[in-house]
N, C-alpha and C. Protein backbone atom coordinates (compact mmCIF):
# COMPACT_ATOMS: atom_id res chain seq x y z
N MET A 1 0.58 -54.17 14.59
CA MET A 1 1.31 -53.47 15.64
C MET A 1 1.91 -54.44 16.65
N ALA A 2 1.12 -55.46 17.02
CA ALA A 2 1.62 -56.45 17.98
C ALA A 2 2.81 -57.22 17.41
N ILE A 3 2.77 -57.49 16.11
CA ILE A 3 3.89 -58.20 15.47
C ILE A 3 5.15 -57.36 15.54
N LEU A 4 5.01 -56.07 15.36
CA LEU A 4 6.16 -55.17 15.43
C LEU A 4 6.76 -55.17 16.83
N VAL A 5 5.92 -55.09 17.84
CA VAL A 5 6.41 -55.08 19.23
C VAL A 5 7.09 -56.40 19.56
N LEU A 6 6.48 -57.51 19.17
CA LEU A 6 7.09 -58.81 19.42
C LEU A 6 8.40 -58.99 18.67
N SER A 7 8.49 -58.44 17.48
CA SER A 7 9.74 -58.51 16.71
C SER A 7 10.85 -57.73 17.39
N VAL A 8 10.51 -56.57 17.91
CA VAL A 8 11.52 -55.77 18.62
C VAL A 8 11.98 -56.47 19.88
N VAL A 9 11.05 -57.06 20.62
CA VAL A 9 11.41 -57.80 21.83
C VAL A 9 12.31 -58.99 21.47
N LEU A 10 11.96 -59.70 20.42
CA LEU A 10 12.78 -60.83 19.98
C LEU A 10 14.19 -60.39 19.60
N LEU A 11 14.30 -59.28 18.88
CA LEU A 11 15.62 -58.76 18.50
C LEU A 11 16.44 -58.37 19.73
N LEU A 12 15.79 -57.78 20.73
CA LEU A 12 16.51 -57.41 21.95
C LEU A 12 16.99 -58.65 22.71
N VAL A 13 16.17 -59.67 22.75
CA VAL A 13 16.57 -60.90 23.43
C VAL A 13 17.74 -61.57 22.71
N VAL A 14 17.64 -61.67 21.41
CA VAL A 14 18.73 -62.29 20.63
C VAL A 14 20.01 -61.46 20.76
N GLY A 15 19.88 -60.15 20.69
CA GLY A 15 21.06 -59.28 20.86
C GLY A 15 21.68 -59.43 22.24
N GLY A 16 20.85 -59.55 23.27
CA GLY A 16 21.37 -59.77 24.62
C GLY A 16 22.11 -61.09 24.74
N CYS A 17 21.57 -62.12 24.12
CA CYS A 17 22.24 -63.43 24.15
C CYS A 17 23.57 -63.39 23.42
N VAL A 18 23.61 -62.69 22.31
CA VAL A 18 24.87 -62.54 21.56
C VAL A 18 25.89 -61.81 22.42
N CYS A 19 25.44 -60.78 23.14
CA CYS A 19 26.36 -60.04 24.01
C CYS A 19 26.88 -60.90 25.16
N VAL A 20 26.04 -61.77 25.69
CA VAL A 20 26.49 -62.66 26.77
C VAL A 20 27.60 -63.59 26.26
N VAL A 21 27.40 -64.16 25.08
CA VAL A 21 28.42 -65.05 24.52
C VAL A 21 29.69 -64.27 24.20
N TRP A 22 29.54 -63.09 23.62
CA TRP A 22 30.69 -62.27 23.26
C TRP A 22 31.45 -61.84 24.51
N ALA A 23 30.74 -61.47 25.57
CA ALA A 23 31.39 -61.04 26.81
C ALA A 23 32.14 -62.20 27.46
N SER A 24 31.62 -63.42 27.33
CA SER A 24 32.32 -64.56 27.90
C SER A 24 33.65 -64.82 27.19
N ARG A 25 33.77 -64.32 25.99
CA ARG A 25 35.01 -64.46 25.23
C ARG A 25 35.88 -63.21 25.30
N GLY A 26 35.50 -62.26 26.17
CA GLY A 26 36.35 -61.09 26.39
C GLY A 26 36.05 -59.93 25.47
N GLY A 27 34.82 -59.58 25.31
CA GLY A 27 34.43 -58.47 24.44
C GLY A 27 34.73 -57.12 25.08
N PRO A 28 34.38 -56.06 24.38
CA PRO A 28 34.61 -54.71 24.92
C PRO A 28 33.72 -54.43 26.13
N ARG A 29 33.97 -53.31 26.79
CA ARG A 29 33.27 -52.99 28.04
C ARG A 29 31.76 -52.88 27.84
N TRP A 30 31.32 -52.25 26.75
CA TRP A 30 29.88 -52.06 26.56
C TRP A 30 29.17 -53.40 26.38
N VAL A 31 29.87 -54.37 25.81
CA VAL A 31 29.29 -55.70 25.64
C VAL A 31 29.13 -56.38 26.99
N ARG A 32 30.12 -56.19 27.87
CA ARG A 32 30.02 -56.77 29.21
C ARG A 32 28.90 -56.14 30.01
N VAL A 33 28.67 -54.83 29.80
CA VAL A 33 27.56 -54.15 30.49
C VAL A 33 26.23 -54.69 30.00
N VAL A 34 26.08 -54.81 28.68
CA VAL A 34 24.83 -55.33 28.12
C VAL A 34 24.61 -56.77 28.57
N ALA A 35 25.68 -57.55 28.63
CA ALA A 35 25.56 -58.94 29.08
C ALA A 35 25.13 -59.00 30.54
N ALA A 36 25.67 -58.13 31.38
CA ALA A 36 25.29 -58.12 32.79
C ALA A 36 23.82 -57.73 32.96
N VAL A 37 23.37 -56.76 32.18
CA VAL A 37 21.96 -56.37 32.23
C VAL A 37 21.07 -57.51 31.76
N THR A 38 21.48 -58.20 30.70
CA THR A 38 20.70 -59.32 30.17
C THR A 38 20.59 -60.44 31.19
N VAL A 39 21.70 -60.78 31.83
CA VAL A 39 21.67 -61.85 32.83
C VAL A 39 20.82 -61.43 34.03
N GLY A 40 20.94 -60.18 34.44
CA GLY A 40 20.13 -59.69 35.55
C GLY A 40 18.64 -59.74 35.26
N LEU A 41 18.26 -59.31 34.05
CA LEU A 41 16.85 -59.38 33.66
C LEU A 41 16.37 -60.83 33.57
N GLY A 42 17.23 -61.70 33.11
CA GLY A 42 16.87 -63.11 33.05
C GLY A 42 16.62 -63.69 34.43
N GLU A 43 17.44 -63.30 35.41
CA GLU A 43 17.23 -63.75 36.78
C GLU A 43 15.92 -63.21 37.34
N LEU A 44 15.60 -61.96 37.03
CA LEU A 44 14.33 -61.40 37.50
C LEU A 44 13.14 -62.15 36.89
N VAL A 45 13.21 -62.45 35.61
CA VAL A 45 12.13 -63.18 34.95
C VAL A 45 12.00 -64.58 35.54
N ARG A 46 13.12 -65.21 35.80
CA ARG A 46 13.09 -66.55 36.39
C ARG A 46 12.48 -66.52 37.78
N ALA A 47 12.85 -65.53 38.60
CA ALA A 47 12.30 -65.43 39.95
C ALA A 47 10.80 -65.13 39.90
N ALA A 48 10.39 -64.29 38.96
CA ALA A 48 8.96 -63.98 38.83
C ALA A 48 8.19 -65.21 38.37
N GLY A 49 8.77 -66.01 37.52
CA GLY A 49 8.12 -67.23 37.07
C GLY A 49 7.97 -68.25 38.17
N ARG A 50 8.95 -68.32 39.06
CA ARG A 50 8.87 -69.26 40.18
C ARG A 50 7.78 -68.85 41.15
N SER A 51 7.72 -67.58 41.48
CA SER A 51 6.76 -67.16 42.50
C SER A 51 5.33 -67.12 41.95
N GLY A 52 5.16 -66.78 40.69
CA GLY A 52 3.82 -66.65 40.14
C GLY A 52 3.25 -67.92 39.56
N GLY A 53 4.09 -68.80 39.01
CA GLY A 53 3.56 -69.96 38.32
C GLY A 53 3.88 -71.28 38.98
N GLY A 54 4.41 -71.27 40.18
CA GLY A 54 4.79 -72.52 40.82
C GLY A 54 3.62 -73.41 41.14
N SER A 55 2.51 -72.86 41.60
CA SER A 55 1.38 -73.70 41.99
C SER A 55 0.64 -74.26 40.78
N ARG A 56 0.64 -73.54 39.68
CA ARG A 56 -0.07 -74.02 38.49
C ARG A 56 0.67 -75.16 37.83
N SER A 57 1.99 -75.09 37.73
CA SER A 57 2.73 -76.12 37.01
C SER A 57 2.86 -77.40 37.82
N SER A 58 2.81 -77.33 39.14
CA SER A 58 3.00 -78.54 39.94
C SER A 58 1.76 -79.43 39.93
N SER A 59 0.58 -78.88 39.64
CA SER A 59 -0.63 -79.68 39.67
C SER A 59 -0.72 -80.66 38.52
N GLY A 60 -0.09 -80.37 37.41
CA GLY A 60 -0.20 -81.24 36.26
C GLY A 60 0.89 -82.28 36.14
N SER A 61 1.82 -82.35 37.08
CA SER A 61 2.94 -83.26 36.94
C SER A 61 2.80 -84.52 37.80
N ASP A 62 1.62 -84.80 38.34
CA ASP A 62 1.40 -86.05 39.10
C ASP A 62 1.02 -87.17 38.13
N ASP A 63 1.97 -88.01 37.79
CA ASP A 63 1.70 -89.12 36.87
C ASP A 63 1.73 -90.44 37.59
């Protein structure tokens, strides 16, 4: 079951990336909408990663 869920998530991510590339080349309106949603979700994930994991990752980079 977990493999199925991860496969669906992977397909959605790959499809979103394809839409971003297609929209940058002037795709149809629905592609631009999907691309905007994909970029927005990516920004949310990036912001969540910064706020939640910033203290953990900085401790291991003192060389």
